[in-house]
């Protein structure tokens, strides 16, 4: 299973999102710190879930990072997190 698939599965299981997009942006970071041949080092997560209603942006990001702790400690160098309203629209 790819890291992208693992990230997607973990976030889907943990937060039951109404929208989830995991984008491997590693190709944009070729030659930068943390980049490795084969990619899967830099990701962007766009997520909408009712689990984040009423909590601060910092708490939302901490929850995502906690869910992906093992991946962040191994191969994933960078993670951009975008929490979008659970009511949409999703683009």
PDB file of N, CA and C in Angstrom:
ATOM      1  N   UNK A   1       0.854  -1.181   0.000  1.00  0.00           N
ATOM      2  CA  UNK A   1       0.000   0.000   0.000  1.00  0.00           C
ATOM      3  C   UNK A   1       0.896   1.239   0.000  1.00  0.00           C
ATOM      4  N   UNK A   2       0.576   2.213  -0.836  1.00  0.00           N
ATOM      5  CA  UNK A   2       1.353   3.452  -0.902  1.00  0.00           C
ATOM      6  C   UNK A   2       1.085   4.302   0.351  1.00  0.00           C
ATOM      7  N   UNK A   3       1.979   5.261   0.608  1.00  0.00           N
ATOM      8  CA  UNK A   3       1.766   6.165   1.729  1.00  0.00           C
ATOM      9  C   UNK A   3       0.496   6.984   1.507  1.00  0.00           C
ATOM     10  N   UNK A   4       0.235   7.362   0.266  1.00  0.00           N
ATOM     11  CA  UNK A   4      -0.992   8.110  -0.035  1.00  0.00           C
ATOM     12  C   UNK A   4      -2.219   7.289   0.356  1.00  0.00           C
ATOM     13  N   UNK A   5      -2.225   6.012   0.011  1.00  0.00           N
ATOM     14  CA  UNK A   5      -3.346   5.134   0.364  1.00  0.00           C
ATOM     15  C   UNK A   5      -3.456   4.962   1.875  1.00  0.00           C
ATOM     16  N   UNK A   6      -2.320   4.836   2.534  1.00  0.00           N
ATOM     17  CA  UNK A   6      -2.310   4.691   3.993  1.00  0.00           C
ATOM     18  C   UNK A   6      -2.871   5.937   4.668  1.00  0.00           C
ATOM     19  N   UNK A   7      -2.419   7.104   4.216  1.00  0.00           N
ATOM     20  CA  UNK A   7      -2.902   8.369   4.772  1.00  0.00           C
ATOM     21  C   UNK A   7      -4.413   8.492   4.558  1.00  0.00           C
ATOM     22  N   UNK A   8      -4.856   8.194   3.360  1.00  0.00           N
ATOM     23  CA  UNK A   8      -6.284   8.260   3.044  1.00  0.00           C
ATOM     24  C   UNK A   8      -7.092   7.333   3.951  1.00  0.00           C
ATOM     25  N   UNK A   9      -6.648   6.102   4.092  1.00  0.00           N
ATOM     26  CA  UNK A   9      -7.368   5.124   4.919  1.00  0.00           C
ATOM     27  C   UNK A   9      -7.406   5.539   6.385  1.00  0.00           C
ATOM     28  N   UNK A  10      -6.281   5.996   6.910  1.00  0.00           N
ATOM     29  CA  UNK A  10      -6.243   6.385   8.325  1.00  0.00           C
ATOM     30  C   UNK A  10      -7.157   7.570   8.610  1.00  0.00           C
ATOM     31  N   UNK A  11      -7.121   8.577   7.745  1.00  0.00           N
ATOM     32  CA  UNK A  11      -7.970   9.745   7.965  1.00  0.00           C
ATOM     33  C   UNK A  11      -9.445   9.410   7.776  1.00  0.00           C
ATOM     34  N   UNK A  12      -9.758   8.570   6.803  1.00  0.00           N
ATOM     35  CA  UNK A  12     -11.149   8.160   6.590  1.00  0.00           C
ATOM     36  C   UNK A  12     -11.675   7.386   7.796  1.00  0.00           C
ATOM     37  N   UNK A  13     -10.868   6.476   8.321  1.00  0.00           N
ATOM     38  CA  UNK A  13     -11.273   5.691   9.489  1.00  0.00           C
ATOM     39  C   UNK A  13     -11.439   6.555  10.730  1.00  0.00           C
ATOM     40  N   UNK A  14     -10.530   7.483  10.927  1.00  0.00           N
ATOM     41  CA  UNK A  14     -10.503   8.292  12.147  1.00  0.00           C
ATOM     42  C   UNK A  14     -11.579   9.367  12.171  1.00  0.00           C
ATOM     43  N   UNK A  15     -11.820  10.015  11.002  1.00  0.00           N
ATOM     44  CA  UNK A  15     -12.660  11.211  11.003  1.00  0.00           C
ATOM     45  C   UNK A  15     -13.952  11.103  10.187  1.00  0.00           C
ATOM     46  N   UNK A  16     -14.174  10.018   9.475  1.00  0.00           N
ATOM     47  CA  UNK A  16     -15.372   9.863   8.640  1.00  0.00           C
ATOM     48  C   UNK A  16     -15.686  11.142   7.863  1.00  0.00           C
ATOM     49  N   UNK A  17     -14.744  11.602   7.060  1.00  0.00           N
ATOM     50  CA  UNK A  17     -14.938  12.887   6.386  1.00  0.00           C
ATOM     51  C   UNK A  17     -16.025  12.846   5.313  1.00  0.00           C
ATOM     52  N   UNK A  18     -16.650  14.002   5.100  1.00  0.00           N
ATOM     53  CA  UNK A  18     -17.583  14.144   3.987  1.00  0.00           C
ATOM     54  C   UNK A  18     -16.810  14.475   2.712  1.00  0.00           C
ATOM     55  N   UNK A  19     -15.580  14.931   2.871  1.00  0.00           N
ATOM     56  CA  UNK A  19     -14.685  15.199   1.749  1.00  0.00           C
ATOM     57  C   UNK A  19     -13.261  14.935   2.215  1.00  0.00           C
ATOM     58  N   UNK A  20     -12.499  14.229   1.387  1.00  0.00           N
ATOM     59  CA  UNK A  20     -11.094  13.958   1.701  1.00  0.00           C
ATOM     60  C   UNK A  20     -10.319  13.857   0.405  1.00  0.00           C
ATOM     61  N   UNK A  21      -9.257  14.625   0.327  1.00  0.00           N
ATOM     62  CA  UNK A  21      -8.363  14.580  -0.822  1.00  0.00           C
ATOM     63  C   UNK A  21      -6.936  14.555  -0.296  1.00  0.00           C
ATOM     64  N   UNK A  22      -6.176  13.565  -0.710  1.00  0.00           N
ATOM     65  CA  UNK A  22      -4.773  13.452  -0.334  1.00  0.00           C
ATOM     66  C   UNK A  22      -3.961  13.565  -1.619  1.00  0.00           C
ATOM     67  N   UNK A  23      -3.102  14.567  -1.669  1.00  0.00           N
ATOM     68  CA  UNK A  23      -2.340  14.865  -2.877  1.00  0.00           C
ATOM     69  C   UNK A  23      -0.856  14.681  -2.584  1.00  0.00           C
ATOM     70  N   UNK A  24      -0.195  13.860  -3.391  1.00  0.00           N
ATOM     71  CA  UNK A  24       1.256  13.691  -3.288  1.00  0.00           C
ATOM     72  C   UNK A  24       1.907  14.818  -4.084  1.00  0.00           C
ATOM     73  N   UNK A  25       2.518  15.762  -3.392  1.00  0.00           N
ATOM     74  CA  UNK A  25       3.153  16.914  -4.023  1.00  0.00           C
ATOM     75  C   UNK A  25       4.675  16.772  -4.069  1.00  0.00           C
ATOM     76  N   UNK A  26       5.163  15.573  -3.894  1.00  0.00           N
ATOM     77  CA  UNK A  26       6.603  15.339  -3.820  1.00  0.00           C
ATOM     78  C   UNK A  26       7.336  15.844  -5.056  1.00  0.00           C
ATOM     79  N   UNK A  27       6.714  15.697  -6.223  1.00  0.00           N
ATOM     80  CA  UNK A  27       7.381  16.113  -7.459  1.00  0.00           C
ATOM     81  C   UNK A  27       7.672  17.607  -7.484  1.00  0.00           C
ATOM     82  N   UNK A  28       6.927  18.403  -6.725  1.00  0.00           N
ATOM     83  CA  UNK A  28       7.156  19.848  -6.651  1.00  0.00           C
ATOM     84  C   UNK A  28       8.366  20.185  -5.770  1.00  0.00           C
ATOM     85  N   UNK A  29       8.877  19.208  -5.042  1.00  0.00           N
ATOM     86  CA  UNK A  29       9.933  19.461  -4.061  1.00  0.00           C
ATOM     87  C   UNK A  29      11.236  18.740  -4.394  1.00  0.00           C
ATOM     88  N   UNK A  30      11.360  18.268  -5.617  1.00  0.00           N
ATOM     89  CA  UNK A  30      12.575  17.570  -6.053  1.00  0.00           C
ATOM     90  C   UNK A  30      13.793  18.441  -5.733  1.00  0.00           C
ATOM     91  N   UNK A  31      14.749  17.830  -5.030  1.00  0.00           N
ATOM     92  CA  UNK A  31      15.975  18.528  -4.669  1.00  0.00           C
ATOM     93  C   UNK A  31      15.898  19.302  -3.366  1.00  0.00           C
ATOM     94  N   UNK A  32      14.722  19.445  -2.792  1.00  0.00           N
ATOM     95  CA  UNK A  32      14.570  20.161  -1.524  1.00  0.00           C
ATOM     96  C   UNK A  32      14.794  19.214  -0.351  1.00  0.00           C
ATOM     97  N   UNK A  33      14.905  19.773   0.811  1.00  0.00           N
ATOM     98  CA  UNK A  33      15.102  18.976   2.029  1.00  0.00           C
ATOM     99  C   UNK A  33      13.991  17.944   2.189  1.00  0.00           C
ATOM    100  N   UNK A  34      14.378  16.756   2.540  1.00  0.00           N
ATOM    101  CA  UNK A  34      13.413  15.706   2.821  1.00  0.00           C
ATOM    102  C   UNK A  34      12.925  14.944   1.604  1.00  0.00           C
ATOM    103  N   UNK A  35      13.218  15.442   0.400  1.00  0.00           N
ATOM    104  CA  UNK A  35      12.775  14.755  -0.811  1.00  0.00           C
ATOM    105  C   UNK A  35      13.605  13.499  -1.006  1.00  0.00           C
ATOM    106  N   UNK A  36      12.949  12.443  -1.460  1.00  0.00           N
ATOM    107  CA  UNK A  36      13.634  11.177  -1.746  1.00  0.00           C
ATOM    108  C   UNK A  36      13.202  10.681  -3.110  1.00  0.00           C
ATOM    109  N   UNK A  37      14.084   9.945  -3.750  1.00  0.00           N
ATOM    110  CA  UNK A  37      13.743   9.305  -5.021  1.00  0.00           C
ATOM    111  C   UNK A  37      12.526   8.414  -4.801  1.00  0.00           C
ATOM    112  N   UNK A  38      11.588   8.476  -5.684  1.00  0.00           N
ATOM    113  CA  UNK A  38      10.364   7.685  -5.548  1.00  0.00           C
ATOM    114  C   UNK A  38       9.207   8.461  -4.958  1.00  0.00           C
ATOM    115  N   UNK A  39       9.490   9.652  -4.465  1.00  0.00           N
ATOM    116  CA  UNK A  39       8.416  10.506  -3.954  1.00  0.00           C
ATOM    117  C   UNK A  39       7.824  10.035  -2.643  1.00  0.00           C
ATOM    118  N   UNK A  40       6.547  10.354  -2.454  1.00  0.00           N
ATOM    119  CA  UNK A  40       5.805  10.046  -1.225  1.00  0.00           C
ATOM    120  C   UNK A  40       6.468  10.651   0.007  1.00  0.00           C
ATOM    121  N   UNK A  41       6.930  11.891  -0.141  1.00  0.00           N
ATOM    122  CA  UNK A  41       7.570  12.592   0.972  1.00  0.00           C
ATOM    123  C   UNK A  41       6.840  13.878   1.350  1.00  0.00           C
ATOM    124  N   UNK A  42       6.118  14.475   0.420  1.00  0.00           N
ATOM    125  CA  UNK A  42       5.430  15.743   0.634  1.00  0.00           C
ATOM    126  C   UNK A  42       3.962  15.577   0.225  1.00  0.00           C
ATOM    127  N   UNK A  43       3.057  15.815   1.168  1.00  0.00           N
ATOM    128  CA  UNK A  43       1.636  15.619   0.910  1.00  0.00           C
ATOM    129  C   UNK A  43       0.817  16.841   1.300  1.00  0.00           C
ATOM    130  N   UNK A  44      -0.312  16.989   0.637  1.00  0.00           N
ATOM    131  CA  UNK A  44      -1.332  17.971   1.000  1.00  0.00           C
ATOM    132  C   UNK A  44      -2.611  17.198   1.287  1.00  0.00           C
ATOM    133  N   UNK A  45      -3.224  17.495   2.419  1.00  0.00           N
ATOM    134  CA  UNK A  45      -4.489  16.874   2.810  1.00  0.00           C
ATOM    135  C   UNK A  45      -5.552  17.962   2.837  1.00  0.00           C
ATOM    136  N   UNK A  46      -6.630  17.723   2.121  1.00  0.00           N
ATOM    137  CA  UNK A  46      -7.816  18.585   2.176  1.00  0.00           C
ATOM    138  C   UNK A  46      -8.925  17.729   2.775  1.00  0.00           C
ATOM    139  N   UNK A  47      -9.474  18.185   3.906  1.00  0.00           N
ATOM    140  CA  UNK A  47     -10.437  17.363   4.626  1.00  0.00           C
ATOM    141  C   UNK A  47     -11.591  18.212   5.150  1.00  0.00           C
ATOM    142  N   UNK A  48     -12.791  17.648   5.079  1.00  0.00           N
ATOM    143  CA  UNK A  48     -13.985  18.246   5.663  1.00  0.00           C
ATOM    144  C   UNK A  48     -14.658  17.170   6.494  1.00  0.00           C
ATOM    145  N   UNK A  49     -14.828  17.458   7.770  1.00  0.00           N
ATOM    146  CA  UNK A  49     -15.445  16.495   8.676  1.00  0.00           C
ATOM    147  C   UNK A  49     -16.150  17.220   9.812  1.00  0.00           C
ATOM    148  N   UNK A  50     -17.244  16.669  10.238  1.00  0.00           N
ATOM    149  CA  UNK A  50     -17.975  17.234  11.379  1.00  0.00           C
ATOM    150  C   UNK A  50     -17.174  17.083  12.683  1.00  0.00           C
ATOM    151  N   UNK A  51     -16.200  16.195  12.697  1.00  0.00           N
ATOM    152  CA  UNK A  51     -15.365  16.022  13.886  1.00  0.00           C
ATOM    153  C   UNK A  51     -14.621  17.309  14.256  1.00  0.00           C
ATOM    154  N   UNK A  52     -14.438  18.201  13.271  1.00  0.00           N
ATOM    155  CA  UNK A  52     -13.688  19.427  13.522  1.00  0.00           C
ATOM    156  C   UNK A  52     -14.578  20.621  13.830  1.00  0.00           C
ATOM    157  N   UNK A  53     -15.884  20.415  13.839  1.00  0.00           N
ATOM    158  CA  UNK A  53     -16.803  21.513  14.165  1.00  0.00           C
ATOM    159  C   UNK A  53     -16.533  22.010  15.580  1.00  0.00           C
ATOM    160  N   UNK A  54     -16.353  23.311  15.710  1.00  0.00           N
ATOM    161  CA  UNK A  54     -16.216  23.921  17.032  1.00  0.00           C
ATOM    162  C   UNK A  54     -14.851  23.822  17.669  1.00  0.00           C
ATOM    163  N   UNK A  55     -13.851  23.294  16.975  1.00  0.00           N
ATOM    164  CA  UNK A  55     -12.509  23.261  17.562  1.00  0.00           C
ATOM    165  C   UNK A  55     -11.581  24.154  16.745  1.00  0.00           C
ATOM    166  N   UNK A  56     -10.545  24.638  17.381  1.00  0.00           N
ATOM    167  CA  UNK A  56      -9.642  25.585  16.742  1.00  0.00           C
ATOM    168  C   UNK A  56      -8.865  24.945  15.594  1.00  0.00           C
ATOM    169  N   UNK A  57      -8.332  25.775  14.726  1.00  0.00           N
ATOM    170  CA  UNK A  57      -7.516  25.295  13.618  1.00  0.00           C
ATOM    171  C   UNK A  57      -6.305  24.521  14.138  1.00  0.00           C
ATOM    172  N   UNK A  58      -5.712  25.002  15.203  1.00  0.00           N
ATOM    173  CA  UNK A  58      -4.565  24.302  15.790  1.00  0.00           C
ATOM    174  C   UNK A  58      -4.981  22.904  16.247  1.00  0.00           C
ATOM    175  N   UNK A  59      -6.118  22.793  16.905  1.00  0.00           N
ATOM    176  CA  UNK A  59      -6.604  21.489  17.370  1.00  0.00           C
ATOM    177  C   UNK A  59      -6.922  20.575  16.188  1.00  0.00           C
ATOM    178  N   UNK A  60      -7.466  21.131  15.109  1.00  0.00           N
ATOM    179  CA  UNK A  60      -7.748  20.340  13.909  1.00  0.00           C
ATOM    180  C   UNK A  60      -6.456  19.764  13.326  1.00  0.00           C
ATOM    181  N   UNK A  61      -5.456  20.617  13.198  1.00  0.00           N
ATOM    182  CA  UNK A  61      -4.175  20.175  12.632  1.00  0.00           C
ATOM    183  C   UNK A  61      -3.491  19.159  13.538  1.00  0.00           C
ATOM    184  N   UNK A  62      -3.560  19.382  14.837  1.00  0.00           N
ATOM    185  CA  UNK A  62      -2.978  18.409  15.777  1.00  0.00           C
ATOM    186  C   UNK A  62      -3.654  17.051  15.654  1.00  0.00           C
ATOM    187  N   UNK A  63      -4.961  17.049  15.475  1.00  0.00           N
ATOM    188  CA  UNK A  63      -5.698  15.782  15.348  1.00  0.00           C
ATOM    189  C   UNK A  63      -5.254  15.023  14.101  1.00  0.00           C
ATOM    190  N   UNK A  64      -5.096  15.736  12.985  1.00  0.00           N
ATOM    191  CA  UNK A  64      -4.629  15.093  11.754  1.00  0.00           C
ATOM    192  C   UNK A  64      -3.216  14.566  11.939  1.00  0.00           C
ATOM    193  N   UNK A  65      -2.355  15.376  12.520  1.00  0.00           N
ATOM    194  CA  UNK A  65      -0.965  14.958  12.719  1.00  0.00           C
ATOM    195  C   UNK A  65      -0.863  13.772  13.679  1.00  0.00           C
ATOM    196  N   UNK A  66      -1.714  13.746  14.685  1.00  0.00           N
ATOM    197  CA  UNK A  66      -1.733  12.608  15.612  1.00  0.00           C
ATOM    198  C   UNK A  66      -2.157  11.333  14.887  1.00  0.00           C
ATOM    199  N   UNK A  67      -3.151  11.456  14.016  1.00  0.00           N
ATOM    200  CA  UNK A  67      -3.633  10.288  13.265  1.00  0.00           C
ATOM    201  C   UNK A  67      -2.550   9.740  12.336  1.00  0.00           C
ATOM    202  N   UNK A  68      -1.649  10.616  11.890  1.00  0.00           N
ATOM    203  CA  UNK A  68      -0.606  10.224  10.939  1.00  0.00           C
ATOM    204  C   UNK A  68       0.780  10.188  11.573  1.00  0.00           C
ATOM    205  N   UNK A  69       0.824  10.014  12.872  1.00  0.00           N
ATOM    206  CA  UNK A  69       2.088  10.046  13.615  1.00  0.00           C
ATOM    207  C   UNK A  69       3.144   9.099  13.044  1.00  0.00           C
ATOM    208  N   UNK A  70       2.786   7.871  12.779  1.00  0.00           N
ATOM    209  CA  UNK A  70       3.761   6.881  12.285  1.00  0.00           C
ATOM    210  C   UNK A  70       4.320   7.291  10.924  1.00  0.00           C
ATOM    211  N   UNK A  71       3.471   7.812  10.054  1.00  0.00           N
ATOM    212  CA  UNK A  71       3.914   8.219   8.723  1.00  0.00           C
ATOM    213  C   UNK A  71       4.834   9.436   8.799  1.00  0.00           C
ATOM    214  N   UNK A  72       4.506  10.372   9.698  1.00  0.00           N
ATOM    215  CA  UNK A  72       5.327  11.564   9.861  1.00  0.00           C
ATOM    216  C   UNK A  72       6.687  11.230  10.470  1.00  0.00           C
ATOM    217  N   UNK A  73       6.756  10.162  11.224  1.00  0.00           N
ATOM    218  CA  UNK A  73       8.026   9.756  11.832  1.00  0.00           C
ATOM    219  C   UNK A  73       8.868   8.894  10.899  1.00  0.00           C
ATOM    220  N   UNK A  74       8.285   8.455   9.800  1.00  0.00           N
ATOM    221  CA  UNK A  74       9.042   7.600   8.896  1.00  0.00           C
ATOM    222  C   UNK A  74       9.358   8.332   7.597  1.00  0.00           C
ATOM    223  N   UNK A  75       8.563   8.171   6.581  1.00  0.00           N
ATOM    224  CA  UNK A  75       8.913   8.678   5.241  1.00  0.00           C
ATOM    225  C   UNK A  75       8.393  10.085   4.934  1.00  0.00           C
ATOM    226  N   UNK A  76       7.268  10.477   5.505  1.00  0.00           N
ATOM    227  CA  UNK A  76       6.656  11.759   5.157  1.00  0.00           C
ATOM    228  C   UNK A  76       7.453  12.901   5.788  1.00  0.00           C
ATOM    229  N   UNK A  77       7.931  13.789   4.922  1.00  0.00           N
ATOM    230  CA  UNK A  77       8.738  14.928   5.376  1.00  0.00           C
ATOM    231  C   UNK A  77       7.873  16.165   5.631  1.00  0.00           C
ATOM    232  N   UNK A  78       6.875  16.382   4.772  1.00  0.00           N
ATOM    233  CA  UNK A  78       6.059  17.590   4.886  1.00  0.00           C
ATOM    234  C   UNK A  78       4.582  17.246   4.663  1.00  0.00           C
ATOM    235  N   UNK A  79       3.738  17.911   5.451  1.00  0.00           N
ATOM    236  CA  UNK A  79       2.306  17.694   5.360  1.00  0.00           C
ATOM    237  C   UNK A  79       1.601  19.037   5.439  1.00  0.00           C
ATOM    238  N   UNK A  80       0.933  19.426   4.369  1.00  0.00           N
ATOM    239  CA  UNK A  80       0.108  20.633   4.363  1.00  0.00           C
ATOM    240  C   UNK A  80      -1.326  20.184   4.636  1.00  0.00           C
ATOM    241  N   UNK A  81      -1.984  20.870   5.558  1.00  0.00           N
ATOM    242  CA  UNK A  81      -3.343  20.476   5.957  1.00  0.00           C
ATOM    243  C   UNK A  81      -4.287  21.634   5.671  1.00  0.00           C
ATOM    244  N   UNK A  82      -5.323  21.341   4.913  1.00  0.00           N
ATOM    245  CA  UNK A  82      -6.377  22.311   4.646  1.00  0.00           C
ATOM    246  C   UNK A  82      -7.682  21.718   5.153  1.00  0.00           C
ATOM    247  N   UNK A  83      -8.245  22.340   6.169  1.00  0.00           N
ATOM    248  CA  UNK A  83      -9.554  21.918   6.669  1.00  0.00           C
ATOM    249  C   UNK A  83     -10.581  22.811   6.004  1.00  0.00           C
ATOM    250  N   UNK A  84     -11.501  22.187   5.294  1.00  0.00           N
ATOM    251  CA  UNK A  84     -12.544  22.934   4.596  1.00  0.00           C
ATOM    252  C   UNK A  84     -13.867  22.698   5.319  1.00  0.00           C
ATOM    253  N   UNK A  85     -14.789  23.635   5.239  1.00  0.00           N
ATOM    254  CA  UNK A  85     -16.062  23.477   5.950  1.00  0.00           C
ATOM    255  C   UNK A  85     -16.782  22.187   5.529  1.00  0.00           C
ATOM    256  N   UNK A  86     -17.323  21.491   6.488  1.00  0.00           N
ATOM    257  CA  UNK A  86     -18.012  20.228   6.212  1.00  0.00           C
ATOM    258  C   UNK A  86     -19.273  20.427   5.385  1.00  0.00           C
ATOM    259  N   UNK A  87     -19.742  21.647   5.276  1.00  0.00           N
ATOM    260  CA  UNK A  87     -20.928  21.921   4.481  1.00  0.00           C
ATOM    261  C   UNK A  87     -20.606  22.152   3.003  1.00  0.00           C
ATOM    262  N   UNK A  88     -19.299  22.154   2.641  1.00  0.00           N
ATOM    263  CA  UNK A  88     -18.891  22.338   1.243  1.00  0.00           C
ATOM    264  C   UNK A  88     -18.827  23.802   0.878  1.00  0.00           C
ATOM    265  N   UNK A  89     -18.667  24.204  -0.333  1.00  0.00           N
ATOM    266  CA  UNK A  89     -18.476  23.350  -1.512  1.00  0.00           C
ATOM    267  C   UNK A  89     -17.044  22.825  -1.580  1.00  0.00           C
ATOM    268  N   UNK A  90     -16.884  21.715  -2.251  1.00  0.00           N
ATOM    269  CA  UNK A  90     -15.588  21.064  -2.353  1.00  0.00           C
ATOM    270  C   UNK A  90     -15.064  21.219  -3.770  1.00  0.00           C
ATOM    271  N   UNK A  91     -13.901  21.806  -3.880  1.00  0.00           N
ATOM    272  CA  UNK A  91     -13.292  22.020  -5.196  1.00  0.00           C
ATOM    273  C   UNK A  91     -11.868  21.551  -5.194  1.00  0.00           C
TER     274      UNK A  91
END
